[in-house]
Amino acid sequence: MFTQQDLANLIPVPAPDANKYSRGKCAVIAGSTPYPGAALLASWASQYMGAGYTEVFTAKVNEMLLQVRRPSLVVRSFDSCNPGYVIPVEHHGAVVAGPGFDVNDAVAHDLCVKAVKDVKHPLLLDGGALTIMATDEGRELILERAAMGRTTVLTPHHGEAARLIAISDITPDNLMDAAAQFAQAYQAIVVLKGPITVVSDGKRTEVFEGGTPALAKAGTGDVLAGIIGGLLAQGVEPFGASYLGVSLHADAAKIVADAMTEVSVCAEDVIEALPVAIKSYLELLD
């Protein structure tokens, strides 16, 4: 079980001679036409989590909105995205794919499949990407990644998990068992989201019970994807990055809820509170 001190030690504090590339690149492939907010939230969260360079690929109609809201983002359209080449091989980095994907968007579907096939860096699949991969062919592609030694993190809520589990012949008895069997079936790290969140790589399983109903709002899952993606981009070990991301996400929501009540917390507020949550962990290292 992770202690707070363990988690604090995982936070990637930049070296004195760091630059934007040494701090890791997070490439976010997100936001079909109806869902620009998902792309914004995930990429913004990756920045606050410390990624040195965040590049987001989104539907062309969404580009201007993201550029205006977050000028520090590098924003490009889906048309210019070749997932296997968005991060140079020699750089730290990670790819987040799927927040705000419309499963009927043929371009998003194609990018998702290419990401699973071609991304060599850690790949986090969230949102619509999980539905796109919920086929026998999708599972085989994820297993092929594992066979090549490539890291995949899946972040489903219970509905998305049910679709993925349905094609993998597992019959779990409880949440821990479900996450472990799920991870084994896909040879991936699974973050099974809910009031109780379970993180498993199929061998090790950790339960996080510090959630809050303040996170039961649209967009908070996109924020979590960006937080974990930002940690992966900086080279944090994937299982630890996943659990730390879940913990920081919940702590940030609680910070906001203390000021605004659980009724009013929105995804944007969770991002804004993330630096305060990070600071509280880093103070344990003093």
Protein backbone atom coordinates (compact mmCIF):
# COMPACT_ATOMS: atom_id res chain seq x y z
CA MET A 1 0.00 0.00 0.00
CA PHE A 2 1.23 3.49 -0.85
CA THR A 3 1.83 5.91 2.00
CA GLN A 4 1.53 9.68 1.52
CA GLN A 5 5.32 9.81 1.75
CA ASP A 6 5.62 7.21 -1.01
CA LEU A 7 3.37 9.28 -3.23
CA ALA A 8 5.26 12.48 -2.46
CA ASN A 9 8.47 10.78 -3.53
CA LEU A 10 6.93 9.96 -6.90
CA ILE A 11 6.20 13.58 -7.82
CA PRO A 12 8.72 14.57 -10.51
CA VAL A 13 10.33 17.75 -9.18
CA PRO A 14 12.26 19.41 -12.03
CA ALA A 15 16.03 19.45 -11.88
CA PRO A 16 17.80 22.83 -11.72
CA ASP A 17 18.99 22.43 -15.31
CA ALA A 18 15.64 21.16 -16.67
CA ASN A 19 14.20 22.28 -19.97
CA LYS A 20 10.79 21.74 -21.53
CA TYR A 21 11.95 18.62 -23.35
CA SER A 22 13.73 17.01 -20.42
CA ARG A 23 10.53 17.46 -18.38
CA GLY A 24 8.62 15.31 -20.85
CA LYS A 25 6.18 15.79 -23.69
CA CYS A 26 2.52 14.89 -23.32
CA ALA A 27 0.67 14.47 -26.60
CA VAL A 28 -3.11 14.60 -26.14
CA ILE A 29 -5.33 13.29 -28.94
CA ALA A 30 -8.80 14.38 -27.89
CA GLY A 31 -11.96 16.29 -28.61
CA SER A 32 -14.16 15.41 -31.55
CA THR A 33 -16.19 18.36 -32.84
CA PRO A 34 -18.89 18.34 -30.10
CA TYR A 35 -16.40 17.98 -27.20
CA PRO A 36 -13.69 20.65 -27.22
CA GLY A 37 -13.81 20.81 -23.43
CA ALA A 38 -12.43 17.29 -23.04
CA ALA A 39 -9.33 18.19 -25.06
CA LEU A 40 -8.85 21.39 -23.08
CA LEU A 41 -9.28 19.77 -19.67
CA ALA A 42 -6.96 16.83 -20.30
CA SER A 43 -4.19 18.93 -21.83
CA TRP A 44 -4.46 21.68 -19.20
CA ALA A 45 -4.26 19.07 -16.40
CA SER A 46 -1.12 17.57 -17.94
CA GLN A 47 0.53 20.99 -17.82
CA TYR A 48 -0.34 21.56 -14.17
CA MET A 49 0.98 18.07 -13.40
CA GLY A 50 4.37 19.15 -14.70
CA ALA A 51 4.69 18.01 -18.31
CA GLY A 52 7.20 20.34 -19.96
CA TYR A 53 5.52 20.40 -23.36
CA THR A 54 1.91 19.57 -24.09
CA GLU A 55 0.74 19.24 -27.67
CA VAL A 56 -2.93 18.61 -28.30
CA PHE A 57 -4.50 17.26 -31.48
CA THR A 58 -8.21 17.97 -31.80
CA ALA A 59 -10.99 18.51 -34.34
CA LYS A 60 -10.10 21.47 -36.53
CA VAL A 61 -13.12 23.47 -35.44
CA ASN A 62 -11.89 23.28 -31.82
CA GLU A 63 -8.38 24.62 -32.42
CA MET A 64 -9.09 28.32 -31.86
CA LEU A 65 -10.96 27.73 -28.61
CA LEU A 66 -8.04 25.82 -27.11
CA GLN A 67 -5.49 28.37 -28.33
CA VAL A 68 -7.44 31.22 -26.77
CA ARG A 69 -8.10 29.45 -23.46
CA ARG A 70 -4.56 28.07 -23.04
CA PRO A 71 -1.99 29.95 -25.14
CA SER A 72 0.82 27.77 -23.73
CA LEU A 73 -0.60 24.70 -25.47
CA VAL A 74 0.63 23.67 -28.89
CA VAL A 75 -2.63 22.99 -30.74
CA ARG A 76 -2.96 21.09 -33.99
CA SER A 77 -5.79 19.45 -35.87
CA PHE A 78 -6.52 15.73 -36.12
CA ASP A 79 -5.50 15.97 -39.79
CA SER A 80 -1.88 16.65 -38.84
CA CYS A 81 -1.63 13.81 -36.29
CA ASN A 82 0.45 10.72 -36.95
CA PRO A 83 0.32 9.07 -33.49
CA GLY A 84 3.51 7.04 -33.86
CA TYR A 85 5.58 10.19 -34.48
CA VAL A 86 4.12 12.79 -32.10
CA ILE A 87 6.96 12.22 -29.60
CA PRO A 88 10.59 11.76 -30.67
CA VAL A 89 11.93 8.37 -29.62
CA GLU A 90 14.78 9.96 -27.66
CA HIS A 91 12.48 12.11 -25.48
CA HIS A 92 10.52 11.30 -22.35
CA GLY A 93 6.86 11.37 -23.21
CA ALA A 94 3.42 9.83 -23.16
CA VAL A 95 0.29 9.93 -25.28
CA VAL A 96 -3.26 10.37 -23.99
CA ALA A 97 -5.96 9.35 -26.47
CA GLY A 98 -9.71 9.32 -26.24
CA PRO A 99 -11.11 12.12 -24.05
CA GLY A 100 -14.05 13.58 -25.92
CA PHE A 101 -13.87 11.09 -28.79
CA ASP A 102 -17.20 10.66 -30.56
CA VAL A 103 -17.27 6.93 -31.29
CA ASN A 104 -19.02 7.69 -34.60
CA ASP A 105 -16.18 10.01 -35.66
CA ALA A 106 -14.26 8.04 -38.31
CA VAL A 107 -11.16 10.23 -37.95
CA ALA A 108 -11.04 9.74 -34.17
CA HIS A 109 -11.57 6.00 -34.65
CA ASP A 110 -8.65 5.82 -37.09
CA LEU A 111 -6.37 7.85 -34.79
CA CYS A 112 -7.23 5.60 -31.86
CA VAL A 113 -6.31 2.43 -33.76
CA LYS A 114 -3.10 4.01 -35.06
CA ALA A 115 -2.15 5.13 -31.53
CA VAL A 116 -2.55 1.61 -30.15
CA LYS A 117 -0.57 0.16 -33.04
CA ASP A 118 2.21 2.73 -33.38
CA VAL A 119 2.86 4.68 -30.16
CA LYS A 120 6.09 3.45 -28.57
CA HIS A 121 5.85 5.61 -25.44
CA PRO A 122 3.33 4.94 -22.64
CA LEU A 123 -0.22 5.27 -23.97
CA LEU A 124 -3.27 6.12 -21.85
CA LEU A 125 -6.68 5.32 -23.32
CA ASP A 126 -9.72 7.09 -21.91
CA GLY A 127 -13.27 8.00 -22.87
CA GLY A 128 -14.30 7.20 -26.41
CA ALA A 129 -11.06 5.34 -27.09
CA LEU A 130 -12.15 2.69 -24.60
CA THR A 131 -15.40 2.14 -26.48
CA ILE A 132 -13.56 2.02 -29.80
CA MET A 133 -11.23 -0.65 -28.39
CA ALA A 134 -14.10 -2.73 -26.92
CA THR A 135 -13.93 -5.31 -29.70
CA ASP A 136 -11.99 -8.51 -30.19
CA GLU A 137 -9.75 -6.68 -32.65
CA GLY A 138 -9.18 -3.86 -30.18
CA ARG A 139 -8.17 -6.24 -27.42
CA GLU A 140 -5.75 -8.00 -29.76
CA LEU A 141 -4.11 -4.69 -30.63
CA ILE A 142 -3.62 -3.87 -26.95
CA LEU A 143 -2.17 -7.33 -26.33
CA GLU A 144 0.22 -6.83 -29.25
CA ARG A 145 1.45 -3.63 -27.57
CA ALA A 146 2.15 -5.60 -24.41
CA ALA A 147 4.03 -8.26 -26.34
CA MET A 148 6.31 -5.52 -27.67
CA GLY A 149 6.95 -4.25 -24.13
CA ARG A 150 4.86 -1.10 -24.56
CA THR A 151 2.90 0.33 -21.64
CA THR A 152 -0.86 0.85 -21.89
CA VAL A 153 -3.00 2.44 -19.17
CA LEU A 154 -6.80 2.07 -19.38
CA THR A 155 -8.98 4.43 -17.32
CA PRO A 156 -12.58 3.21 -17.60
CA HIS A 157 -15.57 4.07 -15.49
CA HIS A 158 -17.80 1.10 -14.71
CA GLY A 159 -19.84 1.34 -17.91
CA GLU A 160 -16.77 1.42 -20.12
CA ALA A 161 -15.23 -1.39 -18.10
CA ALA A 162 -18.32 -3.54 -18.60
CA ARG A 163 -18.02 -3.23 -22.38
CA LEU A 164 -14.34 -4.19 -22.30
CA ILE A 165 -14.85 -7.04 -19.84
CA ALA A 166 -17.72 -8.46 -21.93
CA ILE A 167 -15.29 -9.56 -24.66
CA SER A 168 -12.66 -11.03 -22.33
CA ASP A 169 -14.43 -13.97 -20.64
CA ILE A 170 -13.79 -12.88 -17.06
CA THR A 171 -16.26 -13.29 -14.21
CA PRO A 172 -15.14 -11.13 -11.29
CA ASP A 173 -16.64 -11.44 -7.82
CA ASN A 174 -15.68 -7.98 -6.54
CA LEU A 175 -13.99 -4.73 -7.60
CA MET A 176 -10.46 -5.85 -6.77
CA ASP A 177 -10.96 -9.11 -8.61
CA ALA A 178 -12.52 -7.29 -11.56
CA ALA A 179 -9.63 -4.87 -11.91
CA ALA A 180 -7.01 -7.61 -11.57
CA GLN A 181 -8.66 -9.94 -14.10
CA PHE A 182 -9.30 -7.00 -16.43
CA ALA A 183 -5.63 -6.00 -16.28
CA GLN A 184 -4.54 -9.57 -16.91
CA ALA A 185 -6.92 -9.94 -19.86
CA TYR A 186 -5.52 -6.82 -21.54
CA GLN A 187 -1.94 -6.94 -20.18
CA ALA A 188 -2.41 -3.32 -19.21
CA ILE A 189 -2.63 -1.14 -16.14
CA VAL A 190 -6.29 -0.59 -15.31
CA VAL A 191 -7.63 2.36 -13.35
CA LEU A 192 -11.21 1.30 -12.59
CA LYS A 193 -12.85 4.59 -11.65
CA GLY A 194 -15.71 5.05 -9.21
CA PRO A 195 -16.52 6.06 -5.62
CA ILE A 196 -13.87 3.44 -4.82
CA THR A 197 -11.14 3.37 -7.47
CA VAL A 198 -9.00 0.28 -8.05
CA VAL A 199 -5.62 0.31 -9.79
CA SER A 200 -4.21 -3.00 -11.01
CA ASP A 201 -1.57 -4.34 -13.35
CA GLY A 202 -2.85 -7.90 -12.95
CA LYS A 203 -0.23 -8.78 -10.33
CA ARG A 204 -0.47 -5.86 -7.95
CA THR A 205 -3.80 -4.30 -7.02
CA GLU A 206 -4.33 -1.18 -4.90
CA VAL A 207 -7.65 0.23 -3.71
CA PHE A 208 -8.17 3.97 -3.32
CA GLU A 209 -11.05 4.76 -0.98
CA GLY A 210 -10.46 8.50 -0.67
CA GLY A 211 -12.85 9.57 -3.41
CA THR A 212 -15.47 12.29 -3.16
CA PRO A 213 -18.87 12.81 -4.80
CA ALA A 214 -17.56 16.22 -5.84
CA LEU A 215 -15.95 14.36 -8.75
CA ALA A 216 -19.31 13.13 -10.03
CA LYS A 217 -19.34 15.82 -12.70
CA ALA A 218 -18.75 15.81 -16.44
CA GLY A 219 -15.14 16.44 -17.38
CA THR A 220 -13.46 15.19 -14.22
CA GLY A 221 -12.43 11.97 -15.95
CA ASP A 222 -10.69 14.04 -18.64
CA VAL A 223 -8.80 15.83 -15.87
CA LEU A 224 -7.65 12.51 -14.37
CA ALA A 225 -6.47 11.31 -17.79
CA GLY A 226 -4.39 14.46 -18.16
CA ILE A 227 -2.92 14.18 -14.67
CA ILE A 228 -1.80 10.59 -15.19
CA GLY A 229 -0.63 11.41 -18.71
CA GLY A 230 1.48 14.27 -17.37
CA LEU A 231 3.13 11.96 -14.85
CA LEU A 232 3.78 9.28 -17.47
CA ALA A 233 5.29 11.92 -19.77
CA GLN A 234 7.86 12.73 -17.09
CA GLY A 235 8.93 9.12 -16.75
CA VAL A 236 7.09 8.23 -13.55
CA GLU A 237 6.69 4.45 -13.23
CA PRO A 238 3.25 3.66 -14.72
CA PHE A 239 1.61 1.91 -11.76
CA GLY A 240 2.77 4.61 -9.36
CA ALA A 241 1.78 7.34 -11.80
CA SER A 242 -1.72 5.89 -12.02
CA TYR A 243 -2.25 5.65 -8.27
CA LEU A 244 -0.64 9.04 -7.58
CA GLY A 245 -2.85 10.60 -10.26
CA VAL A 246 -5.98 9.17 -8.64
CA SER A 247 -4.91 10.45 -5.23
CA LEU A 248 -4.01 13.97 -6.38
CA HIS A 249 -7.23 14.17 -8.40
CA ALA A 250 -9.32 13.36 -5.32
CA ASP A 251 -7.34 15.66 -3.05
CA ALA A 252 -7.70 18.58 -5.46
CA ALA A 253 -11.47 17.99 -5.59
CA LYS A 254 -11.66 17.97 -1.78
CA ILE A 255 -9.73 21.24 -1.59
CA VAL A 256 -12.29 22.86 -3.86
CA ALA A 257 -15.23 21.23 -2.08
CA ASP A 258 -14.06 22.69 1.23
CA ALA A 259 -14.39 26.15 -0.30
CA MET A 260 -17.34 25.64 -2.65
CA THR A 261 -19.19 22.59 -1.25
CA GLU A 262 -19.42 19.27 -3.10
CA VAL A 263 -22.48 20.63 -4.90
CA SER A 264 -20.64 23.23 -6.97
CA VAL A 265 -17.27 21.69 -7.87
CA CYS A 266 -16.63 21.50 -11.63
CA ALA A 267 -13.78 19.93 -13.58
CA GLU A 268 -12.05 23.27 -14.17
CA ASP A 269 -11.96 23.87 -10.41
CA VAL A 270 -10.24 20.54 -9.83
CA ILE A 271 -7.44 21.55 -12.21
CA GLU A 272 -7.06 24.92 -10.52
CA ALA A 273 -6.67 23.20 -7.14
CA LEU A 274 -4.17 20.64 -8.40
CA PRO A 275 -1.09 22.80 -7.61
CA VAL A 276 -2.30 23.15 -4.00
CA ALA A 277 -2.67 19.37 -3.74
CA ILE A 278 0.80 18.85 -5.21
CA LYS A 279 2.27 21.40 -2.78
CA SER A 280 0.75 19.56 0.19
CA TYR A 281 2.54 16.37 -0.88
CA LEU A 282 5.86 18.09 -1.54
CA GLU A 283 5.78 19.60 1.95
CA LEU A 284 6.15 16.06 3.26
CA LEU A 285 9.62 15.99 1.71
CA ASP A 286 10.90 19.04 3.64
